[in-house]
Amino acid sequence: MWGGRLRGLIRRFIKQVPFMMNRRILLASTSALLVQALLSNAQTGSGRKIVFEHDLPDLNLKGWSVTVVEVSYAPGESSGAHRHPGITIGYVLEGEVRSKVGDDPERLYTAGQMFLETPNQVHAVSRNASTTKPARLLAVMLAEKGKQLTTRA
């Protein structure tokens, strides 16, 4: 499916990112990568297929940066309730992750699925759904430069 293709594009992108990069170039590159991945996989024999869609808050991104973090959960592992100061897009790379963000119900996300956190929402549940297999997710975090990216809720 499109998940494997997106993982490959992300891996190639991360390998090509130099140690220090201009914020505009990084934001443009990240945006281009996500658009390319989604559009190239959105086409099916019957037409366009939307893979992920979510409204965004009204924000001014001047002075913001993007950080991409790979989160690995051992079998049964979880992280405590937390918040992020900006927008976070989660993409499950491997396994199954249970997540509860804001007022939404707790959900199970499998490899290839995505979720979104808006600024300062409580991420009350984030854990590996399996007690026998690992899980990994990619967190694309957009936030004001200099802000702590994760704080306890």
Protein backbone atom coordinates (compact mmCIF):
# COMPACT_ATOMS: atom_id res chain seq x y z
CA MET A 1 0.00 0.00 0.00
CA TRP A 2 0.99 3.65 0.16
CA GLY A 3 2.49 3.31 3.66
CA GLY A 4 5.59 1.47 2.46
CA ARG A 5 6.14 3.99 -0.28
CA LEU A 6 5.80 6.91 2.17
CA ARG A 7 8.27 5.27 4.57
CA GLY A 8 10.78 4.93 1.73
CA LEU A 9 10.35 8.57 0.71
CA ILE A 10 10.76 9.73 4.31
CA ARG A 11 13.90 7.61 4.80
CA ARG A 12 15.44 8.99 1.58
CA PHE A 13 14.50 12.53 2.63
CA ILE A 14 16.02 12.19 6.12
CA LYS A 15 19.27 10.81 4.68
CA GLN A 16 19.50 13.82 2.34
CA VAL A 17 18.92 16.46 5.06
CA PRO A 18 22.24 18.17 5.83
CA PHE A 19 23.22 18.72 9.47
CA MET A 20 22.34 22.45 9.36
CA MET A 21 19.56 23.62 7.07
CA ASN A 22 17.76 26.89 6.42
CA ARG A 23 14.26 26.74 7.98
CA ARG A 24 12.52 27.82 4.76
CA ILE A 25 14.28 25.09 2.78
CA LEU A 26 13.45 22.47 5.42
CA LEU A 27 9.77 23.49 5.60
CA ALA A 28 9.47 23.58 1.82
CA SER A 29 11.23 20.22 1.48
CA THR A 30 9.06 18.60 4.14
CA SER A 31 5.90 20.00 2.56
CA ALA A 32 6.97 18.87 -0.89
CA LEU A 33 7.78 15.39 0.41
CA LEU A 34 4.41 14.98 2.12
CA VAL A 35 2.50 16.35 -0.90
CA GLN A 36 4.46 14.10 -3.27
CA ALA A 37 3.86 11.04 -1.11
CA LEU A 38 0.17 11.69 -0.61
CA LEU A 39 -0.55 12.68 -4.20
CA SER A 40 1.42 9.83 -5.74
CA ASN A 41 -0.50 7.37 -3.60
CA ALA A 42 -3.88 9.13 -3.69
CA GLN A 43 -4.58 8.02 -7.26
CA THR A 44 -6.42 4.73 -7.67
CA GLY A 45 -8.01 3.03 -10.66
CA SER A 46 -11.30 4.68 -9.73
CA GLY A 47 -9.86 8.17 -9.17
CA ARG A 48 -8.60 10.20 -6.24
CA LYS A 49 -8.46 8.72 -2.74
CA ILE A 50 -7.93 10.96 0.27
CA VAL A 51 -5.68 9.24 2.77
CA PHE A 52 -5.69 11.84 5.57
CA GLU A 53 -7.53 15.11 6.04
CA HIS A 54 -7.87 17.34 9.09
CA ASP A 55 -8.67 21.02 9.67
CA LEU A 56 -5.76 23.13 10.90
CA PRO A 57 -5.87 25.96 13.42
CA ASP A 58 -5.31 29.53 12.22
CA LEU A 59 -1.60 30.05 12.86
CA ASN A 60 1.20 32.34 11.75
CA LEU A 61 4.26 30.13 11.16
CA LYS A 62 6.81 32.97 11.18
CA GLY A 63 9.67 31.91 13.46
CA TRP A 64 8.60 28.25 13.48
CA SER A 65 10.65 25.18 12.61
CA VAL A 66 9.95 21.53 11.90
CA THR A 67 11.43 18.60 13.82
CA VAL A 68 10.91 14.97 12.83
CA VAL A 69 11.25 12.40 15.61
CA GLU A 70 11.05 8.62 15.39
CA VAL A 71 9.35 7.21 18.51
CA SER A 72 9.95 3.53 19.30
CA TYR A 73 7.83 1.60 21.78
CA ALA A 74 8.96 -1.78 23.09
CA PRO A 75 6.18 -4.34 23.57
CA GLY A 76 3.72 -2.97 26.14
CA GLU A 77 5.62 0.35 26.50
CA SER A 78 3.86 3.70 26.76
CA SER A 79 4.59 7.36 27.37
CA GLY A 80 2.89 9.59 29.94
CA ALA A 81 0.28 12.22 29.16
CA HIS A 82 1.92 15.17 27.42
CA ARG A 83 1.41 18.22 25.19
CA HIS A 84 3.20 19.75 22.22
CA PRO A 85 3.27 23.54 21.65
CA GLY A 86 2.58 23.33 17.91
CA ILE A 87 1.10 20.99 15.34
CA THR A 88 2.18 17.35 15.46
CA ILE A 89 1.39 14.83 12.73
CA GLY A 90 1.90 11.20 13.74
CA TYR A 91 2.50 8.46 11.18
CA VAL A 92 2.67 4.84 12.37
CA LEU A 93 5.64 3.11 10.75
CA GLU A 94 5.38 -0.32 12.40
CA GLY A 95 3.03 -2.18 14.71
CA GLU A 96 -0.05 -0.77 16.40
CA VAL A 97 -0.27 2.35 18.56
CA ARG A 98 -3.14 3.28 20.90
CA SER A 99 -3.64 7.02 21.12
CA LYS A 100 -6.04 9.48 22.72
CA VAL A 101 -5.68 13.14 21.78
CA GLY A 102 -7.84 15.94 23.19
CA ASP A 103 -11.55 15.14 23.47
CA ASP A 104 -11.40 12.45 20.79
CA PRO A 105 -11.94 8.83 21.89
CA GLU A 106 -8.97 6.50 22.26
CA ARG A 107 -8.14 4.94 18.89
CA LEU A 108 -5.95 2.19 17.51
CA TYR A 109 -3.62 3.21 14.67
CA THR A 110 -1.86 0.62 12.53
CA ALA A 111 1.13 0.92 10.20
CA GLY A 112 0.40 3.48 7.49
CA GLN A 113 -2.22 5.41 9.47
CA MET A 114 -1.87 9.04 10.62
CA PHE A 115 -3.20 11.31 13.35
CA LEU A 116 -2.93 15.01 14.16
CA GLU A 117 -2.43 16.97 17.38
CA THR A 118 -3.19 20.69 17.42
CA PRO A 119 -1.26 23.10 19.67
CA ASN A 120 -1.33 22.24 23.39
CA GLN A 121 -3.88 19.42 23.11
CA VAL A 122 -3.44 16.79 25.81
CA HIS A 123 -2.10 13.55 24.35
CA ALA A 124 -3.45 11.43 27.21
CA VAL A 125 -2.69 7.97 25.78
CA SER A 126 0.25 6.96 23.61
CA ARG A 127 1.27 3.33 23.86
CA ASN A 128 2.16 0.19 22.00
CA ALA A 129 -1.03 -1.86 21.65
CA SER A 130 0.95 -5.11 21.59
CA THR A 131 2.64 -6.84 24.50
CA THR A 132 4.74 -8.98 22.14
CA LYS A 133 5.73 -6.81 19.14
CA PRO A 134 7.47 -3.41 18.90
CA ALA A 135 5.79 -0.30 17.47
CA ARG A 136 7.31 2.80 15.85
CA LEU A 137 5.84 6.09 14.76
CA LEU A 138 7.18 9.18 13.05
CA ALA A 139 6.19 12.50 14.67
CA VAL A 140 6.44 15.56 12.41
CA MET A 141 6.42 18.48 14.87
CA LEU A 142 5.90 22.09 13.78
CA ALA A 143 6.52 24.61 16.58
CA GLU A 144 7.95 28.01 17.38
CA LYS A 145 11.75 27.95 17.40
CA GLY A 146 13.16 27.56 20.89
CA LYS A 147 9.99 26.10 22.44
CA GLN A 148 10.26 22.85 24.36
CA LEU A 149 8.68 20.31 22.01
CA THR A 150 7.09 18.09 24.67
CA THR A 151 5.86 18.90 28.17
CA ARG A 152 4.04 16.77 30.74
CA ALA A 153 0.31 17.30 30.85
